[in-house]
Structures are given as structure tokens and as C-alpha cells.
């Protein structure tokens, strides 16, 4: 994953299932590409039910949408 990639949350914690399907832009990547625990900081888009904001998500839990 790279900064400015457009992504969508594919999996979320059990207590945060409302986040699944939300999309945003990667603003920071922490960890190496081959690290299964690599974390992306994603600035999620605002929706009618959720405010915009930055969240930390494991890269494995994101779906890449485009650059």
C-alpha cells in the first residue's frame, strides 16, 4: 500500500462492523510491505451516517481501489 491509494475497509473489529465498506485515502503507512502487521492510516470519506476522519487499519483488512 502507498500514500494516496484509494482503499475500502473490507474487515473491521467485531465492535466496529459499521466501518466495513467505508472508503478513503491512505495518508500514512507504518511497517514494511512484507509485514503482515503493516498498518495504514486512512482518511475516511464523510457519509450521511459517519463523519470524515482518520483511522488506523491493518493493510490486510483493506481493499485497494486505485491510485
N, C-alpha and C. Protein backbone atom coordinates (compact mmCIF):
# COMPACT_ATOMS: atom_id res chain seq x y z
N UNK A 1 0.84 -1.17 0.00
CA UNK A 1 0.00 0.00 0.00
C UNK A 1 0.89 1.23 0.00
N UNK A 2 0.42 2.31 -0.62
CA UNK A 2 1.17 3.55 -0.70
C UNK A 2 0.28 4.72 -0.29
N UNK A 3 0.94 5.81 0.09
CA UNK A 3 0.22 7.04 0.40
C UNK A 3 -0.55 7.47 -0.85
N UNK A 4 -1.73 7.98 -0.67
CA UNK A 4 -2.66 8.44 -1.71
C UNK A 4 -3.41 7.32 -2.41
N UNK A 5 -3.20 6.06 -2.03
CA UNK A 5 -4.01 4.98 -2.59
C UNK A 5 -5.44 5.12 -2.08
N UNK A 6 -6.39 4.83 -2.93
CA UNK A 6 -7.79 4.82 -2.51
C UNK A 6 -8.11 3.40 -2.08
N UNK A 7 -8.70 3.26 -0.89
CA UNK A 7 -8.97 1.95 -0.31
C UNK A 7 -10.37 1.90 0.27
N UNK A 8 -10.79 0.68 0.56
CA UNK A 8 -12.07 0.44 1.20
C UNK A 8 -11.85 -0.56 2.33
N UNK A 9 -12.52 -0.37 3.45
CA UNK A 9 -12.38 -1.29 4.58
C UNK A 9 -13.15 -2.57 4.26
N UNK A 10 -12.43 -3.69 4.26
CA UNK A 10 -13.04 -4.99 3.95
C UNK A 10 -13.40 -5.76 5.21
N UNK A 11 -12.60 -5.58 6.27
CA UNK A 11 -12.85 -6.26 7.55
C UNK A 11 -12.61 -5.26 8.66
N UNK A 12 -13.41 -5.38 9.71
CA UNK A 12 -13.26 -4.49 10.87
C UNK A 12 -13.44 -5.32 12.14
N UNK A 13 -13.09 -4.70 13.24
CA UNK A 13 -13.26 -5.37 14.55
C UNK A 13 -14.74 -5.65 14.79
N UNK A 14 -15.00 -6.65 15.62
CA UNK A 14 -16.38 -7.03 15.90
C UNK A 14 -17.24 -5.87 16.40
N UNK A 15 -16.62 -4.96 17.16
CA UNK A 15 -17.38 -3.84 17.71
C UNK A 15 -17.44 -2.65 16.75
N UNK A 16 -16.95 -2.81 15.51
CA UNK A 16 -16.92 -1.70 14.56
C UNK A 16 -17.38 -2.15 13.17
N UNK A 17 -18.37 -3.01 13.10
CA UNK A 17 -18.83 -3.54 11.82
C UNK A 17 -19.43 -2.46 10.91
N UNK A 18 -19.82 -1.32 11.47
CA UNK A 18 -20.36 -0.23 10.65
C UNK A 18 -19.30 0.35 9.71
N UNK A 19 -18.02 0.13 10.02
CA UNK A 19 -16.95 0.66 9.18
C UNK A 19 -16.74 -0.12 7.89
N UNK A 20 -17.19 -1.36 7.85
CA UNK A 20 -17.00 -2.18 6.66
C UNK A 20 -17.67 -1.50 5.46
N UNK A 21 -16.91 -1.38 4.39
CA UNK A 21 -17.43 -0.76 3.18
C UNK A 21 -17.11 0.72 3.04
N UNK A 22 -16.65 1.35 4.12
CA UNK A 22 -16.28 2.76 4.02
C UNK A 22 -15.00 2.91 3.23
N UNK A 23 -14.89 4.00 2.51
CA UNK A 23 -13.73 4.22 1.64
C UNK A 23 -12.98 5.47 2.07
N UNK A 24 -11.72 5.56 1.64
CA UNK A 24 -10.91 6.72 1.95
C UNK A 24 -9.58 6.67 1.25
N UNK A 25 -8.68 7.54 1.69
CA UNK A 25 -7.37 7.68 1.08
C UNK A 25 -6.30 7.42 2.14
N UNK A 26 -5.29 6.63 1.78
CA UNK A 26 -4.17 6.33 2.68
C UNK A 26 -3.32 7.59 2.85
N UNK A 27 -3.08 7.98 4.11
CA UNK A 27 -2.26 9.16 4.39
C UNK A 27 -0.91 8.79 5.00
N UNK A 28 -0.79 7.57 5.52
CA UNK A 28 0.47 7.14 6.12
C UNK A 28 0.49 5.61 6.18
N UNK A 29 1.68 5.04 5.93
CA UNK A 29 1.86 3.59 6.02
C UNK A 29 2.96 3.32 7.03
N UNK A 30 2.68 2.42 7.99
CA UNK A 30 3.65 2.08 9.02
C UNK A 30 4.00 0.60 8.91
N UNK A 31 5.26 0.31 8.65
CA UNK A 31 5.73 -1.06 8.52
C UNK A 31 6.17 -1.37 7.10
N UNK A 32 6.85 -2.49 6.98
CA UNK A 32 7.35 -2.92 5.66
C UNK A 32 6.24 -3.58 4.87
N UNK A 33 6.41 -3.61 3.56
CA UNK A 33 5.39 -4.21 2.68
C UNK A 33 5.17 -5.69 2.95
N UNK A 34 6.21 -6.41 3.37
CA UNK A 34 6.07 -7.84 3.61
C UNK A 34 5.66 -8.16 5.06
N UNK A 35 5.36 -7.15 5.85
CA UNK A 35 4.97 -7.32 7.25
C UNK A 35 3.45 -7.54 7.32
N UNK A 36 2.99 -8.69 7.84
CA UNK A 36 1.54 -8.94 7.93
C UNK A 36 0.84 -7.98 8.90
N UNK A 37 1.60 -7.30 9.74
CA UNK A 37 1.03 -6.36 10.69
C UNK A 37 1.19 -4.91 10.23
N UNK A 38 1.45 -4.69 8.94
CA UNK A 38 1.58 -3.33 8.41
C UNK A 38 0.24 -2.59 8.63
N UNK A 39 0.35 -1.35 9.07
CA UNK A 39 -0.82 -0.54 9.38
C UNK A 39 -0.88 0.66 8.45
N UNK A 40 -2.08 0.97 7.98
CA UNK A 40 -2.30 2.16 7.17
C UNK A 40 -3.17 3.14 7.95
N UNK A 41 -2.81 4.40 7.88
CA UNK A 41 -3.65 5.46 8.41
C UNK A 41 -4.50 5.92 7.24
N UNK A 42 -5.81 5.80 7.36
CA UNK A 42 -6.72 6.10 6.26
C UNK A 42 -7.63 7.24 6.66
N UNK A 43 -7.72 8.25 5.80
CA UNK A 43 -8.64 9.36 5.99
C UNK A 43 -9.95 8.96 5.31
N UNK A 44 -10.93 8.51 6.11
CA UNK A 44 -12.18 8.03 5.56
C UNK A 44 -13.05 9.19 5.07
N UNK A 45 -13.78 8.93 4.00
CA UNK A 45 -14.70 9.92 3.44
C UNK A 45 -15.89 10.11 4.37
N UNK A 46 -16.48 11.29 4.31
CA UNK A 46 -17.70 11.56 5.07
C UNK A 46 -18.89 10.93 4.35
N UNK A 47 -19.79 10.35 5.13
CA UNK A 47 -21.03 9.79 4.57
C UNK A 47 -22.21 10.42 5.29
N UNK A 48 -23.40 10.05 4.91
CA UNK A 48 -24.58 10.61 5.56
C UNK A 48 -24.71 10.14 7.01
N UNK A 49 -24.07 9.03 7.35
CA UNK A 49 -24.16 8.49 8.71
C UNK A 49 -22.87 8.59 9.51
N UNK A 50 -21.75 8.94 8.86
CA UNK A 50 -20.45 9.00 9.54
C UNK A 50 -19.68 10.25 9.14
N UNK A 51 -18.99 10.82 10.10
CA UNK A 51 -18.12 11.96 9.81
C UNK A 51 -16.81 11.46 9.21
N UNK A 52 -16.14 12.33 8.48
CA UNK A 52 -14.82 12.01 7.95
C UNK A 52 -13.84 11.94 9.11
N UNK A 53 -12.77 11.19 8.93
CA UNK A 53 -11.77 11.11 9.98
C UNK A 53 -10.73 10.07 9.66
N UNK A 54 -9.63 10.16 10.39
CA UNK A 54 -8.52 9.25 10.17
C UNK A 54 -8.60 8.08 11.13
N UNK A 55 -8.39 6.87 10.57
CA UNK A 55 -8.38 5.65 11.37
C UNK A 55 -7.14 4.84 11.02
N UNK A 56 -6.74 3.95 11.92
CA UNK A 56 -5.64 3.02 11.67
C UNK A 56 -6.25 1.65 11.37
N UNK A 57 -5.82 1.06 10.26
CA UNK A 57 -6.36 -0.23 9.82
C UNK A 57 -5.21 -1.10 9.34
N UNK A 58 -5.24 -2.38 9.69
CA UNK A 58 -4.26 -3.31 9.14
C UNK A 58 -4.42 -3.35 7.63
N UNK A 59 -3.31 -3.33 6.92
CA UNK A 59 -3.34 -3.36 5.46
C UNK A 59 -4.12 -4.58 4.95
N UNK A 60 -4.00 -5.69 5.65
CA UNK A 60 -4.70 -6.92 5.24
C UNK A 60 -6.22 -6.75 5.28
N UNK A 61 -6.72 -5.78 6.02
CA UNK A 61 -8.15 -5.54 6.15
C UNK A 61 -8.68 -4.51 5.16
N UNK A 62 -7.84 -4.10 4.21
CA UNK A 62 -8.23 -3.09 3.22
C UNK A 62 -8.31 -3.70 1.83
N UNK A 63 -9.21 -3.15 1.03
CA UNK A 63 -9.28 -3.50 -0.38
C UNK A 63 -8.79 -2.30 -1.18
N UNK A 64 -7.82 -2.54 -2.06
CA UNK A 64 -7.26 -1.49 -2.89
C UNK A 64 -8.26 -1.12 -3.99
N UNK A 65 -8.54 0.19 -4.14
CA UNK A 65 -9.48 0.65 -5.16
C UNK A 65 -8.79 1.35 -6.33
N UNK A 66 -7.69 2.05 -6.08
CA UNK A 66 -7.00 2.74 -7.16
C UNK A 66 -5.99 3.73 -6.65
N UNK A 67 -5.27 4.33 -7.60
CA UNK A 67 -4.26 5.34 -7.25
C UNK A 67 -4.69 6.68 -7.77
